[in-house]
Amino acid sequence: MENIDWKNLPFGYLKTDWNIRCYFRNGKWGELETSSSEYVNIHIAATGLHYGQEAFEGM
């Protein structure tokens, strides 16, 4: 961690070989899973896609 140049970290997408996923279902977190997929399935009505609604809810 001490070798990371924190002031010059880029903002953007950096492809990696793997990522970790964990799903919240029925009131609890599941097991950690590894995935090589770059995609995340998200419902079309997810409020996170509707910036205005999220900004309002965050106030």
N, C-alpha and C. Protein backbone atom coordinates (compact mmCIF):
# COMPACT_ATOMS: atom_id res chain seq x y z
N MET A 1 0.81 -1.19 0.00
CA MET A 1 0.00 0.00 0.00
C MET A 1 0.86 1.26 0.00
N GLU A 2 2.02 1.20 0.58
CA GLU A 2 2.86 2.40 0.65
C GLU A 2 3.46 2.76 -0.70
N ASN A 3 3.46 1.82 -1.67
CA ASN A 3 4.00 2.10 -3.00
C ASN A 3 2.97 2.66 -3.97
N ILE A 4 1.73 2.82 -3.52
CA ILE A 4 0.67 3.34 -4.39
C ILE A 4 0.73 4.86 -4.40
N ASP A 5 0.72 5.44 -5.59
CA ASP A 5 0.71 6.90 -5.74
C ASP A 5 -0.75 7.37 -5.67
N TRP A 6 -1.26 7.58 -4.46
CA TRP A 6 -2.67 7.88 -4.24
C TRP A 6 -3.13 9.16 -4.92
N LYS A 7 -2.25 10.12 -5.11
CA LYS A 7 -2.65 11.40 -5.72
C LYS A 7 -2.80 11.31 -7.23
N ASN A 8 -2.31 10.24 -7.84
CA ASN A 8 -2.38 10.10 -9.29
C ASN A 8 -3.11 8.84 -9.74
N LEU A 9 -4.05 8.38 -8.93
CA LEU A 9 -4.84 7.22 -9.32
C LEU A 9 -5.79 7.61 -10.45
N PRO A 10 -5.85 6.82 -11.51
CA PRO A 10 -6.77 7.17 -12.61
C PRO A 10 -8.20 6.82 -12.24
N PHE A 11 -9.14 7.53 -12.84
CA PHE A 11 -10.55 7.21 -12.69
C PHE A 11 -11.00 6.56 -13.99
N GLY A 12 -11.45 5.34 -13.93
CA GLY A 12 -11.89 4.66 -15.13
C GLY A 12 -11.93 3.16 -14.92
N TYR A 13 -12.11 2.46 -16.00
CA TYR A 13 -12.24 1.01 -15.98
C TYR A 13 -10.88 0.36 -16.19
N LEU A 14 -10.56 -0.58 -15.35
CA LEU A 14 -9.33 -1.35 -15.49
C LEU A 14 -9.71 -2.82 -15.47
N LYS A 15 -9.61 -3.47 -16.61
CA LYS A 15 -10.00 -4.88 -16.71
C LYS A 15 -9.06 -5.74 -15.88
N THR A 16 -9.67 -6.65 -15.14
CA THR A 16 -8.91 -7.63 -14.37
C THR A 16 -9.36 -9.03 -14.79
N ASP A 17 -8.60 -10.03 -14.43
CA ASP A 17 -8.96 -11.40 -14.79
C ASP A 17 -10.17 -11.90 -14.01
N TRP A 18 -10.32 -11.43 -12.78
CA TRP A 18 -11.37 -11.92 -11.89
C TRP A 18 -11.97 -10.77 -11.10
N ASN A 19 -13.19 -10.98 -10.60
CA ASN A 19 -13.79 -10.06 -9.64
C ASN A 19 -14.57 -10.89 -8.63
N ILE A 20 -14.86 -10.30 -7.50
CA ILE A 20 -15.56 -10.98 -6.41
C ILE A 20 -16.99 -10.45 -6.33
N ARG A 21 -17.93 -11.36 -6.16
CA ARG A 21 -19.34 -10.98 -6.05
C ARG A 21 -19.97 -11.64 -4.84
N CYS A 22 -20.91 -10.94 -4.26
CA CYS A 22 -21.66 -11.47 -3.13
C CYS A 22 -23.08 -10.92 -3.24
N TYR A 23 -24.07 -11.78 -3.13
CA TYR A 23 -25.46 -11.38 -3.32
C TYR A 23 -26.19 -11.31 -1.99
N PHE A 24 -27.06 -10.31 -1.86
CA PHE A 24 -27.89 -10.13 -0.67
C PHE A 24 -29.29 -10.61 -1.01
N ARG A 25 -29.69 -11.73 -0.41
CA ARG A 25 -31.01 -12.31 -0.68
C ARG A 25 -31.64 -12.77 0.62
N ASN A 26 -32.94 -12.58 0.71
CA ASN A 26 -33.70 -13.04 1.88
C ASN A 26 -33.12 -12.51 3.19
N GLY A 27 -32.65 -11.27 3.18
CA GLY A 27 -32.18 -10.63 4.40
C GLY A 27 -30.79 -11.01 4.85
N LYS A 28 -30.01 -11.71 4.01
CA LYS A 28 -28.65 -12.05 4.42
C LYS A 28 -27.72 -12.13 3.21
N TRP A 29 -26.44 -11.95 3.47
CA TRP A 29 -25.42 -12.03 2.43
C TRP A 29 -25.06 -13.48 2.17
N GLY A 30 -24.83 -13.80 0.91
CA GLY A 30 -24.44 -15.15 0.51
C GLY A 30 -22.94 -15.33 0.57
N GLU A 31 -22.48 -16.42 0.00
CA GLU A 31 -21.06 -16.72 -0.06
C GLU A 31 -20.38 -15.86 -1.13
N LEU A 32 -19.10 -15.60 -0.96
CA LEU A 32 -18.33 -14.89 -1.98
C LEU A 32 -18.15 -15.80 -3.19
N GLU A 33 -18.27 -15.22 -4.37
CA GLU A 33 -18.09 -15.96 -5.61
C GLU A 33 -17.09 -15.22 -6.49
N THR A 34 -16.26 -15.96 -7.21
CA THR A 34 -15.38 -15.33 -8.19
C THR A 34 -16.03 -15.42 -9.56
N SER A 35 -15.79 -14.40 -10.38
CA SER A 35 -16.36 -14.36 -11.72
C SER A 35 -15.35 -13.73 -12.67
N SER A 36 -15.32 -14.22 -13.89
CA SER A 36 -14.46 -13.62 -14.90
C SER A 36 -15.26 -12.72 -15.84
N SER A 37 -16.57 -12.61 -15.60
CA SER A 37 -17.43 -11.79 -16.45
C SER A 37 -17.24 -10.30 -16.15
N GLU A 38 -17.27 -9.49 -17.19
CA GLU A 38 -17.17 -8.03 -17.04
C GLU A 38 -18.55 -7.40 -16.85
N TYR A 39 -19.60 -8.18 -16.87
CA TYR A 39 -20.95 -7.65 -16.87
C TYR A 39 -21.68 -7.95 -15.57
N VAL A 40 -22.58 -7.03 -15.20
CA VAL A 40 -23.43 -7.19 -14.03
C VAL A 40 -24.87 -7.06 -14.51
N ASN A 41 -25.70 -8.03 -14.20
CA ASN A 41 -27.12 -7.93 -14.56
C ASN A 41 -27.81 -7.02 -13.57
N ILE A 42 -28.59 -6.07 -14.08
CA ILE A 42 -29.32 -5.15 -13.21
C ILE A 42 -30.72 -4.93 -13.79
N HIS A 43 -31.70 -4.90 -12.93
CA HIS A 43 -33.08 -4.73 -13.36
C HIS A 43 -33.27 -3.34 -13.98
N ILE A 44 -34.06 -3.27 -15.03
CA ILE A 44 -34.27 -2.01 -15.74
C ILE A 44 -34.89 -0.93 -14.85
N ALA A 45 -35.61 -1.33 -13.81
CA ALA A 45 -36.26 -0.37 -12.92
C ALA A 45 -35.42 -0.08 -11.67
N ALA A 46 -34.18 -0.51 -11.64
CA ALA A 46 -33.33 -0.26 -10.48
C ALA A 46 -33.19 1.25 -10.27
N THR A 47 -33.44 1.70 -9.04
CA THR A 47 -33.43 3.14 -8.79
C THR A 47 -32.05 3.75 -9.01
N GLY A 48 -31.00 2.96 -8.94
CA GLY A 48 -29.65 3.47 -9.19
C GLY A 48 -29.46 3.96 -10.62
N LEU A 49 -30.32 3.51 -11.54
CA LEU A 49 -30.25 3.96 -12.92
C LEU A 49 -30.94 5.30 -13.12
N HIS A 50 -31.73 5.70 -12.16
CA HIS A 50 -32.52 6.93 -12.27
C HIS A 50 -31.89 7.99 -11.37
N TYR A 51 -30.93 8.73 -11.93
CA TYR A 51 -30.11 9.66 -11.15
C TYR A 51 -30.95 10.66 -10.36
N GLY A 52 -31.98 11.21 -10.96
CA GLY A 52 -32.80 12.20 -10.27
C GLY A 52 -33.42 11.64 -9.01
N GLN A 53 -33.92 10.43 -9.09
CA GLN A 53 -34.54 9.80 -7.93
C GLN A 53 -33.49 9.54 -6.86
N GLU A 54 -32.33 9.05 -7.25
CA GLU A 54 -31.27 8.76 -6.28
C GLU A 54 -30.78 10.04 -5.61
N ALA A 55 -30.65 11.12 -6.38
CA ALA A 55 -30.19 12.38 -5.81
C ALA A 55 -31.22 12.90 -4.81
N PHE A 56 -32.50 12.78 -5.13
CA PHE A 56 -33.55 13.23 -4.22
C PHE A 56 -33.55 12.40 -2.95
N GLU A 57 -33.45 11.08 -3.08
CA GLU A 57 -33.48 10.20 -1.92
C GLU A 57 -32.28 10.44 -1.02
N GLY A 58 -31.17 10.90 -1.60
CA GLY A 58 -29.96 11.12 -0.81
C GLY A 58 -29.96 12.43 -0.05
N MET A 59 -30.93 13.30 -0.30
CA MET A 59 -30.95 14.60 0.37
C MET A 59 -31.45 14.50 1.79
